């Protein structure tokens, strides 16, 4: 398939770019809206603009408008006003298609169109994403247009025949790299239409036009919850990333949607690293041809890839079990970022927010598994333990204080209150004793 670089997207022949219900968006309209939005942004000072969009087509307009102006898009991974205000040092304003109560400069989507010329996208154009780091503070990751273009070429080489004539639908957000790369950059590069609205429920998947050929960009959590009682569309390609998809769920997905699942392994920092076609349990991962994994002296692994912005490589947070010819298995994470419902959740970030609560002297967060599902458990150290009758009120107050800062999947579900959090003789967290606090169910 012919792969168009981002700099050439608006120069192609007119075609269907995206749709939402009966509303269709064409390339000619996309170009006119990019021109109009560029004119609005041009009147504003500042280089770095955060994008907070519900509609993926609107997001694409804003993304291109910034790049054609020589400005830098910032994708914060969320649309929460409190955290946008906290990012004020990293952004000069916000562009969105939803109302936001913020003090930062804010351009609200108006759908205006205009004629005119656009400055070419610079060869060194970039965007900035934010990812949870081991310190708990969201960490900026610079991603170049060059890397996004190259990644699209790799994916087109891998799936070209299966992507032919497909409509791209997705259950993942464009506000993260996986959704950005797979539900926007890839279809735009290949001239494929994409759904402007994210799918949240099986019913929305069942509502897709049955006569179309679909490429479905999903998460394991969505695939695990598919409702087989619905008449689901057949897919030519199903991609899953963000966490491992258990083999029984992969089998059911194939049965209900008509094709096997392809999984992608990667991260915001690295882009795609490897893939696997789920045809059996414990299928090994296969590195993309230009990617190399190297073991370090401390038993950690480092990835070297043309998708990185540095030749020094990037340390991996996962434990790797190498096999032959670039194949490997994953054996868990080494950092304090866990996956809850396939979303990266920083335990350090949760602890940092808990320590801001009045009266909390210390805090520990961990992932608790019950009934086959994971959720966040926290232990709070406070000077005076509340009476049992008052504890429920305390938990409610703490949850309300955390809501502006944490995503729903990161909100603690299990709470333990103590006077002192257990530590070892070396004054480090005594995690076995901490975990024992949750052995009695709530």
Protein backbone atom coordinates (compact mmCIF):
# COMPACT_ATOMS: atom_id res chain seq x y z
CA UNK A 1 0.00 0.00 0.00
CA UNK A 2 1.10 3.58 -0.68
CA UNK A 3 2.08 5.22 2.63
CA UNK A 4 1.70 9.01 2.70
CA UNK A 5 3.95 10.92 5.14
CA UNK A 6 2.21 13.37 7.47
CA UNK A 7 3.61 16.34 5.53
CA UNK A 8 1.63 15.20 2.45
CA UNK A 9 -1.70 14.29 4.06
CA UNK A 10 -3.50 17.43 2.91
CA UNK A 11 -2.12 17.24 -0.64
CA UNK A 12 -3.83 13.96 -1.57
CA UNK A 13 -6.95 13.62 -3.70
CA UNK A 14 -10.28 14.28 -2.02
CA UNK A 15 -11.65 11.26 -0.17
CA UNK A 16 -13.62 10.22 2.91
CA UNK A 17 -11.40 10.87 5.95
CA UNK A 18 -13.68 10.05 8.87
CA UNK A 19 -17.27 9.55 9.92
CA UNK A 20 -19.47 9.81 12.99
CA UNK A 21 -22.88 8.25 12.61
CA UNK A 22 -24.29 9.70 9.39
CA UNK A 23 -21.85 12.64 9.42
CA UNK A 24 -18.99 12.26 6.95
CA UNK A 25 -15.79 14.32 6.85
CA UNK A 26 -13.87 14.64 3.60
CA UNK A 27 -10.25 15.62 2.95
CA UNK A 28 -11.29 18.89 1.25
CA UNK A 29 -13.15 19.90 4.43
CA UNK A 30 -10.24 18.79 6.59
CA UNK A 31 -7.89 21.08 4.69
CA UNK A 32 -10.25 24.08 4.92
CA UNK A 33 -10.74 23.55 8.66
CA UNK A 34 -6.99 23.25 9.22
CA UNK A 35 -6.54 26.59 7.43
CA UNK A 36 -9.26 28.27 9.52
CA UNK A 37 -8.00 26.91 12.84
CA UNK A 38 -4.43 27.84 11.93
CA UNK A 39 -5.53 31.44 11.47
CA UNK A 40 -7.07 31.47 14.97
CA UNK A 41 -4.01 29.90 16.61
CA UNK A 42 -1.70 32.30 14.77
CA UNK A 43 -3.19 35.25 16.68
CA UNK A 44 -2.20 33.64 19.99
CA UNK A 45 1.29 33.73 21.53
CA UNK A 46 3.03 30.57 22.68
CA UNK A 47 4.57 27.47 21.11
CA UNK A 48 3.12 24.54 23.05
CA UNK A 49 -0.63 23.86 22.85
CA UNK A 50 -2.40 21.02 24.62
CA UNK A 51 -5.04 19.11 22.66
CA UNK A 52 -8.09 17.83 24.55
CA UNK A 53 -10.65 16.37 22.16
CA UNK A 54 -13.51 13.91 22.31
CA UNK A 55 -13.86 13.71 18.51
CA UNK A 56 -10.84 12.18 16.72
CA UNK A 57 -11.50 14.08 13.49
CA UNK A 58 -11.52 17.42 15.35
CA UNK A 59 -8.31 16.31 17.07
CA UNK A 60 -6.71 15.63 13.67
CA UNK A 61 -7.61 19.11 12.45
CA UNK A 62 -5.97 20.71 15.49
CA UNK A 63 -2.92 18.46 15.27
CA UNK A 64 -2.29 19.41 11.64
CA UNK A 65 -3.01 23.10 12.26
CA UNK A 66 -0.29 23.24 14.91
CA UNK A 67 2.25 21.35 12.82
CA UNK A 68 1.62 23.49 9.74
CA UNK A 69 2.14 26.61 11.91
CA UNK A 70 5.44 25.28 13.21
CA UNK A 71 4.03 24.92 16.74
CA UNK A 72 4.22 21.90 19.04
CA UNK A 73 1.14 19.83 19.93
CA UNK A 74 1.05 18.55 23.51
CA UNK A 75 -1.10 15.50 24.25
CA UNK A 76 -1.60 15.27 28.01
CA UNK A 77 -3.42 11.92 27.99
CA UNK A 78 -6.44 13.36 29.82
CA UNK A 79 -8.85 16.29 29.70
CA UNK A 80 -9.09 17.12 33.42
CA UNK A 81 -9.01 20.85 34.16
CA UNK A 82 -7.09 20.51 37.44
CA UNK A 83 -4.20 18.66 35.85
CA UNK A 84 -4.12 20.99 32.85
CA UNK A 85 -3.66 23.88 35.27
CA UNK A 86 -0.89 21.94 36.98
CA UNK A 87 0.83 21.60 33.56
CA UNK A 88 0.86 25.37 33.02
CA UNK A 89 4.66 25.42 32.94
CA UNK A 90 4.63 22.98 29.99
CA UNK A 91 1.82 24.44 27.85
CA UNK A 92 0.87 27.90 26.57
CA UNK A 93 -2.78 27.13 25.93
CA UNK A 94 -5.42 24.48 25.28
CA UNK A 95 -7.44 23.63 22.17
CA UNK A 96 -10.51 21.46 22.72
CA UNK A 97 -13.97 20.53 21.53
CA UNK A 98 -15.35 20.48 25.07
CA UNK A 99 -15.89 23.25 27.63
CA UNK A 100 -13.10 23.52 30.22
CA UNK A 101 -12.92 25.77 33.26
CA UNK A 102 -9.27 26.80 33.10
CA UNK A 103 -7.26 30.01 33.41
CA UNK A 104 -4.99 29.06 30.49
CA UNK A 105 -5.72 30.47 27.01
CA UNK A 106 -8.40 28.22 25.55
CA UNK A 107 -9.53 27.89 21.92
CA UNK A 108 -12.83 26.03 21.61
CA UNK A 109 -13.57 24.09 18.41
CA UNK A 110 -15.92 25.98 16.09
CA UNK A 111 -15.69 23.95 12.87
CA UNK A 112 -14.93 27.04 10.76
CA UNK A 113 -13.60 26.63 7.21
CA UNK A 114 -11.43 28.92 5.11
CA UNK A 115 -9.42 29.01 1.91
CA UNK A 116 -5.74 29.80 1.76
CA UNK A 117 -2.24 28.38 1.82
CA UNK A 118 -0.45 26.45 4.53
CA UNK A 119 3.21 26.48 5.44
CA UNK A 120 4.81 23.05 4.93
CA UNK A 121 5.32 20.89 8.00
CA UNK A 122 8.96 21.08 9.06
CA UNK A 123 11.12 17.98 8.74
CA UNK A 124 11.98 18.22 12.46
CA UNK A 125 8.39 18.71 13.67
CA UNK A 126 7.50 17.00 16.95
CA UNK A 127 4.74 16.53 19.48
CA UNK A 128 4.89 15.96 23.23
CA UNK A 129 3.06 13.20 25.11
CA UNK A 130 3.00 12.56 28.84
CA UNK A 131 3.47 9.19 30.45
CA UNK A 132 3.51 7.95 34.03
CA UNK A 133 7.06 7.65 35.34
CA UNK A 134 8.40 5.78 38.34
CA UNK A 135 8.51 9.04 40.34
CA UNK A 136 4.74 9.49 40.06
CA UNK A 137 5.05 12.77 38.18
CA UNK A 138 3.87 12.64 34.54
CA UNK A 139 6.96 12.77 32.34
CA UNK A 140 7.08 14.46 28.90
CA UNK A 141 8.06 12.31 25.93
CA UNK A 142 9.00 14.04 22.67
CA UNK A 143 7.89 12.16 19.54
CA UNK A 144 8.96 13.26 16.07
CA UNK A 145 6.82 13.29 12.95
CA UNK A 146 9.65 11.28 11.38
CA UNK A 147 9.11 8.47 13.93
CA UNK A 148 5.32 8.49 13.44
CA UNK A 149 5.78 8.23 9.66
CA UNK A 150 8.28 5.37 10.00
CA UNK A 151 6.03 3.47 12.40
CA UNK A 152 3.15 3.73 9.92
CA UNK A 153 5.42 2.26 7.23
CA UNK A 154 6.28 -0.69 9.47
CA UNK A 155 2.63 -1.39 10.23
CA UNK A 156 1.63 -1.06 6.57
CA UNK A 157 4.32 -3.60 5.66
CA UNK A 158 3.05 -5.97 8.36
CA UNK A 159 -0.69 -5.67 7.63
CA UNK A 160 -0.96 -4.10 4.17
CA UNK A 161 -3.19 -6.76 2.59
CA UNK A 162 -5.47 -6.98 5.62
CA UNK A 163 -5.85 -3.20 5.82
CA UNK A 164 -6.88 -2.82 2.16
CA UNK A 165 -10.30 -1.11 1.84
CA UNK A 166 -10.84 -1.20 5.61
CA UNK A 167 -12.68 1.29 7.80
CA UNK A 168 -10.76 1.83 11.04
CA UNK A 169 -12.72 1.70 14.30
CA UNK A 170 -11.28 1.87 17.80
CA UNK A 171 -12.06 1.40 21.47
CA UNK A 172 -8.94 3.31 22.56
CA UNK A 173 -8.37 7.04 22.95
CA UNK A 174 -6.34 9.19 20.55
CA UNK A 175 -5.08 11.04 23.65
CA UNK A 176 -2.41 8.32 24.06
CA UNK A 177 0.26 7.17 21.60
CA UNK A 178 -1.37 3.83 20.76
CA UNK A 179 -4.63 5.46 19.72
CA UNK A 180 -2.86 8.34 18.00
CA UNK A 181 -0.62 6.04 15.95
CA UNK A 182 -3.12 3.31 15.09
CA UNK A 183 -6.49 5.05 14.79
CA UNK A 184 -5.30 8.34 13.24
CA UNK A 185 -1.75 8.25 11.79
CA UNK A 186 -2.04 4.80 10.23
CA UNK A 187 -5.39 5.32 8.44
CA UNK A 188 -4.43 8.83 7.34
CA UNK A 189 -1.15 7.51 5.93
CA UNK A 190 -2.96 4.76 4.01
CA UNK A 191 -5.97 6.80 2.88
CA UNK A 192 -8.41 4.77 5.01
CA UNK A 193 -11.44 6.34 6.73
CA UNK A 194 -11.54 6.22 10.52
CA UNK A 195 -14.34 6.52 13.06
CA UNK A 196 -14.32 9.90 14.77
CA UNK A 197 -15.94 8.51 17.90
CA UNK A 198 -14.36 6.04 20.30
CA UNK A 199 -16.25 2.81 21.05
CA UNK A 200 -16.96 2.21 24.74
CA UNK A 201 -19.51 -0.62 24.65
CA UNK A 202 -20.17 -3.80 22.68
CA UNK A 203 -23.48 -2.29 21.58
CA UNK A 204 -21.60 0.47 19.74
CA UNK A 205 -19.50 -2.14 17.97
CA UNK A 206 -22.65 -4.03 17.00
CA UNK A 207 -24.13 -0.82 15.54
CA UNK A 208 -21.40 -0.56 12.86
CA UNK A 209 -22.56 -0.90 9.25
CA UNK A 210 -22.36 -4.67 8.60
CA UNK A 211 -21.38 -4.40 4.92
CA UNK A 212 -18.08 -2.61 5.63
CA UNK A 213 -14.66 -4.20 6.07
CA UNK A 214 -13.21 -3.22 9.47
CA UNK A 215 -9.83 -2.90 11.13
CA UNK A 216 -10.54 -2.79 14.87
CA UNK A 217 -7.99 -1.07 17.14
CA UNK A 218 -8.77 -2.26 20.65
CA UNK A 219 -7.60 -2.90 24.18
CA UNK A 220 -7.63 -6.27 25.95
CA UNK A 221 -10.18 -4.92 28.44
CA UNK A 222 -12.72 -4.22 25.67
CA UNK A 223 -12.17 -7.59 24.01
CA UNK A 224 -12.54 -9.42 27.32
CA UNK A 225 -15.96 -7.82 27.82
CA UNK A 226 -17.40 -8.47 24.35
CA UNK A 227 -21.07 -9.39 24.46
CA UNK A 228 -21.52 -12.49 22.33
CA UNK A 229 -25.30 -12.13 22.40
CA UNK A 230 -25.00 -9.19 19.99
CA UNK A 231 -24.56 -9.43 16.23
CA UNK A 232 -20.97 -8.17 15.98
CA UNK A 233 -19.33 -7.13 12.68
CA UNK A 234 -16.70 -9.32 11.04
CA UNK A 235 -13.23 -7.80 11.04
CA UNK A 236 -10.30 -8.14 8.64
CA UNK A 237 -7.83 -7.08 11.36
CA UNK A 238 -8.03 -6.85 15.14
CA UNK A 239 -5.18 -5.17 17.00
CA UNK A 240 -4.81 -5.25 20.78
CA UNK A 241 -2.25 -3.39 22.90
CA UNK A 242 -1.83 -1.95 26.36
CA UNK A 243 -1.70 -5.29 28.18
CA UNK A 244 -1.66 -9.02 27.51
CA UNK A 245 -4.83 -10.61 26.13
CA UNK A 246 -5.41 -14.01 27.78
CA UNK A 247 -5.55 -16.85 25.28
CA UNK A 248 -9.17 -17.89 26.09
CA UNK A 249 -10.30 -14.30 25.44
CA UNK A 250 -8.33 -14.25 22.18
CA UNK A 251 -10.08 -17.43 21.08
CA UNK A 252 -13.52 -16.01 21.86
CA UNK A 253 -12.66 -12.77 20.04
CA UNK A 254 -11.68 -14.73 16.93
CA UNK A 255 -14.91 -16.71 17.08
CA UNK A 256 -17.13 -13.63 17.48
CA UNK A 257 -15.36 -11.15 15.18
CA UNK A 258 -14.07 -13.47 12.49
CA UNK A 259 -10.26 -13.17 12.69
CA UNK A 260 -7.37 -13.78 15.04
CA UNK A 261 -5.96 -11.00 17.20
CA UNK A 262 -2.63 -9.30 16.53
CA UNK A 263 -1.01 -7.93 19.68
CA UNK A 264 1.44 -5.04 19.79
CA UNK A 265 4.11 -4.56 22.44
CA UNK A 266 5.57 -1.10 22.93
CA UNK A 267 5.33 2.07 24.99
CA UNK A 268 4.95 5.82 24.69
CA UNK A 269 8.71 6.17 24.96
CA UNK A 270 9.64 3.51 22.38
CA UNK A 271 6.78 3.27 19.92
CA UNK A 272 6.13 -0.27 18.67
CA UNK A 273 8.73 -2.85 19.65
CA UNK A 274 7.23 -6.21 18.73
CA UNK A 275 4.06 -7.96 17.64
CA UNK A 276 2.51 -11.41 17.76
CA UNK A 277 -0.30 -13.14 15.90
CA UNK A 278 -2.31 -14.94 18.58
CA UNK A 279 -2.73 -18.40 17.10
CA UNK A 280 -1.94 -20.33 20.29
CA UNK A 281 -1.37 -19.81 24.00
CA UNK A 282 2.08 -18.46 24.97
CA UNK A 283 2.79 -17.25 21.42
CA UNK A 284 6.20 -15.51 21.53
CA UNK A 285 6.66 -11.87 20.62
CA UNK A 286 8.55 -11.03 17.43
CA UNK A 287 10.62 -7.82 17.26
CA UNK A 288 10.06 -5.55 14.28
CA UNK A 289 13.01 -6.02 11.89
CA UNK A 290 14.89 -2.82 12.81
CA UNK A 291 14.39 -3.24 16.60
CA UNK A 292 17.05 -4.76 18.85
CA UNK A 293 16.73 -5.80 22.51
CA UNK A 294 19.93 -5.85 24.57
CA UNK A 295 20.41 -7.18 28.08
CA UNK A 296 22.20 -4.87 30.53
CA UNK A 297 24.53 -5.83 33.37
CA UNK A 298 21.83 -5.24 35.99
CA UNK A 299 19.53 -7.81 34.30
CA UNK A 300 17.39 -5.00 32.86
CA UNK A 301 16.80 -4.73 29.13
CA UNK A 302 17.30 -1.88 26.68
CA UNK A 303 15.66 -1.39 23.30
CA UNK A 304 17.37 0.20 20.31
CA UNK A 305 15.09 1.34 17.53
CA UNK A 306 14.90 3.88 14.66
CA UNK A 307 11.65 5.05 16.28
CA UNK A 308 13.60 6.48 19.22
CA UNK A 309 14.84 10.04 19.16
CA UNK A 310 18.24 8.94 20.51
CA UNK A 311 20.83 6.34 19.52
CA UNK A 312 21.38 5.55 23.21
CA UNK A 313 18.30 3.33 23.33
CA UNK A 314 15.62 3.19 26.00
CA UNK A 315 15.45 1.13 29.19
CA UNK A 316 12.48 -1.23 29.41
CA UNK A 317 10.28 -1.62 32.47
CA UNK A 318 9.49 -5.25 31.64
CA UNK A 319 11.38 -8.46 32.32
CA UNK A 320 12.29 -10.26 29.07
CA UNK A 321 12.80 -13.98 28.46
CA UNK A 322 14.73 -14.13 25.15
CA UNK A 323 14.27 -16.79 22.51
CA UNK A 324 15.85 -17.19 19.08
CA UNK A 325 15.64 -14.89 16.04
CA UNK A 326 14.32 -11.80 17.81
CA UNK A 327 11.54 -13.65 19.64
CA UNK A 328 10.87 -13.35 23.36
CA UNK A 329 8.33 -13.76 26.17
CA UNK A 330 7.36 -11.15 28.75
CA UNK A 331 7.69 -11.96 32.46
CA UNK A 332 6.20 -9.00 34.31
CA UNK A 333 7.16 -5.40 35.13
CA UNK A 334 10.13 -4.07 37.05
CA UNK A 335 8.88 -0.56 37.92
CA UNK A 336 6.02 0.86 39.98
CA UNK A 337 3.69 1.38 37.04
CA UNK A 338 0.95 -1.24 36.90
CA UNK A 339 -1.74 -2.01 34.35
CA UNK A 340 -5.35 -1.64 35.55
CA UNK A 341 -7.94 -2.31 32.84
CA UNK A 342 -5.01 -2.06 30.39
CA UNK A 343 -4.19 1.51 31.41
CA UNK A 344 -0.85 2.46 32.89
CA UNK A 345 -1.34 3.56 36.49
CA UNK A 346 1.54 5.02 38.49
CA UNK A 347 1.48 3.79 42.07
CA UNK A 348 3.94 6.57 42.92
CA UNK A 349 1.54 9.19 41.55
CA UNK A 350 -1.30 7.79 43.69
CA UNK A 351 0.95 7.89 46.77
CA UNK A 352 1.95 11.47 45.98
CA UNK A 353 -1.71 12.54 45.84
CA UNK A 354 -2.53 10.63 49.03
CA UNK A 355 0.27 12.43 50.90
CA UNK A 356 -1.41 15.74 50.01
CA UNK A 357 -4.50 14.72 52.00
CA UNK A 358 -4.81 16.45 55.40
CA UNK A 359 -3.71 14.25 58.27
CA UNK A 360 -1.99 11.59 56.13
CA UNK A 361 1.58 10.96 57.33
CA UNK A 362 2.53 8.18 54.92
CA UNK A 363 0.93 6.20 52.10
CA UNK A 364 1.53 3.02 50.13
CA UNK A 365 -0.30 1.93 46.97
CA UNK A 366 -0.36 -1.48 45.31
CA UNK A 367 -2.39 -3.53 42.86
CA UNK A 368 -4.84 -5.95 44.52
CA UNK A 369 -6.27 -8.91 42.58
CA UNK A 370 -9.64 -10.31 43.54
CA UNK A 371 -12.04 -12.46 41.55
CA UNK A 372 -9.73 -12.31 38.53
CA UNK A 373 -9.66 -8.50 38.37
CA UNK A 374 -7.13 -5.94 39.56
CA UNK A 375 -7.82 -2.71 41.42
CA UNK A 376 -5.83 -0.27 43.51
CA UNK A 377 -5.40 -0.80 47.24
CA UNK A 378 -3.88 1.86 49.51
CA UNK A 379 -2.57 1.93 53.06
CA UNK A 380 -2.68 5.27 54.88
CA UNK A 381 -0.70 6.05 58.00
CA UNK A 382 -2.41 8.61 60.23
CA UNK A 383 -1.70 9.63 63.78
CA UNK A 384 -5.10 8.85 65.25
CA UNK A 385 -7.23 6.08 63.80
CA UNK A 386 -10.87 7.02 63.24
CA UNK A 387 -13.69 5.10 64.86
CA UNK A 388 -15.18 2.43 62.55
CA UNK A 389 -18.34 4.47 62.13
CA UNK A 390 -16.33 7.49 61.00
CA UNK A 391 -14.02 5.58 58.64
CA UNK A 392 -16.61 5.36 55.86
CA UNK A 393 -17.04 9.14 55.93
CA UNK A 394 -13.24 9.58 55.82
CA UNK A 395 -12.95 7.34 52.75
CA UNK A 396 -15.67 9.29 50.97
CA UNK A 397 -13.91 12.57 51.73
CA UNK A 398 -10.57 11.19 50.52
CA UNK A 399 -12.11 9.92 47.27
CA UNK A 400 -13.65 13.32 46.58
CA UNK A 401 -10.26 14.99 47.12
CA UNK A 402 -8.57 12.57 44.70
CA UNK A 403 -11.13 12.81 41.88
CA UNK A 404 -9.63 15.93 40.20
CA UNK A 405 -6.25 14.20 39.95
CA UNK A 406 -6.77 10.50 39.27
CA UNK A 407 -8.42 8.62 36.43
CA UNK A 408 -11.31 6.33 37.48
CA UNK A 409 -9.16 3.18 37.12
CA UNK A 410 -6.51 4.75 39.40
CA UNK A 411 -8.96 5.57 42.20
CA UNK A 412 -8.32 3.35 45.25
CA UNK A 413 -10.91 0.66 45.74
CA UNK A 414 -9.48 -0.98 48.84
CA UNK A 415 -8.44 1.10 51.86
CA UNK A 416 -6.47 0.24 54.99
CA UNK A 417 -5.71 2.75 57.75
CA UNK A 418 -2.84 2.20 60.19
CA UNK A 419 -0.64 4.26 62.48
CA UNK A 420 2.60 3.05 60.85
CA UNK A 421 3.24 1.39 57.48
CA UNK A 422 5.40 -1.76 57.90
CA UNK A 423 9.08 -1.42 56.94
CA UNK A 424 12.06 -3.77 56.83
CA UNK A 425 15.25 -3.56 58.90
CA UNK A 426 16.67 -1.45 56.04
CA UNK A 427 13.75 1.01 56.40
CA UNK A 428 12.30 -0.08 53.06
CA UNK A 429 8.68 -0.97 52.47
CA UNK A 430 7.84 -4.43 53.86
CA UNK A 431 5.59 -5.36 50.96
CA UNK A 432 4.70 -8.89 52.16
CA UNK A 433 3.34 -7.42 55.42
CA UNK A 434 1.60 -4.63 53.55
CA UNK A 435 -0.08 -7.15 51.25
CA UNK A 436 -1.22 -9.14 54.30
CA UNK A 437 -3.34 -6.16 55.34
CA UNK A 438 -5.58 -6.94 52.36
CA UNK A 439 -5.98 -10.67 53.03
CA UNK A 440 -9.25 -9.95 54.79
CA UNK A 441 -11.76 -8.86 52.15
CA UNK A 442 -13.62 -5.55 52.47
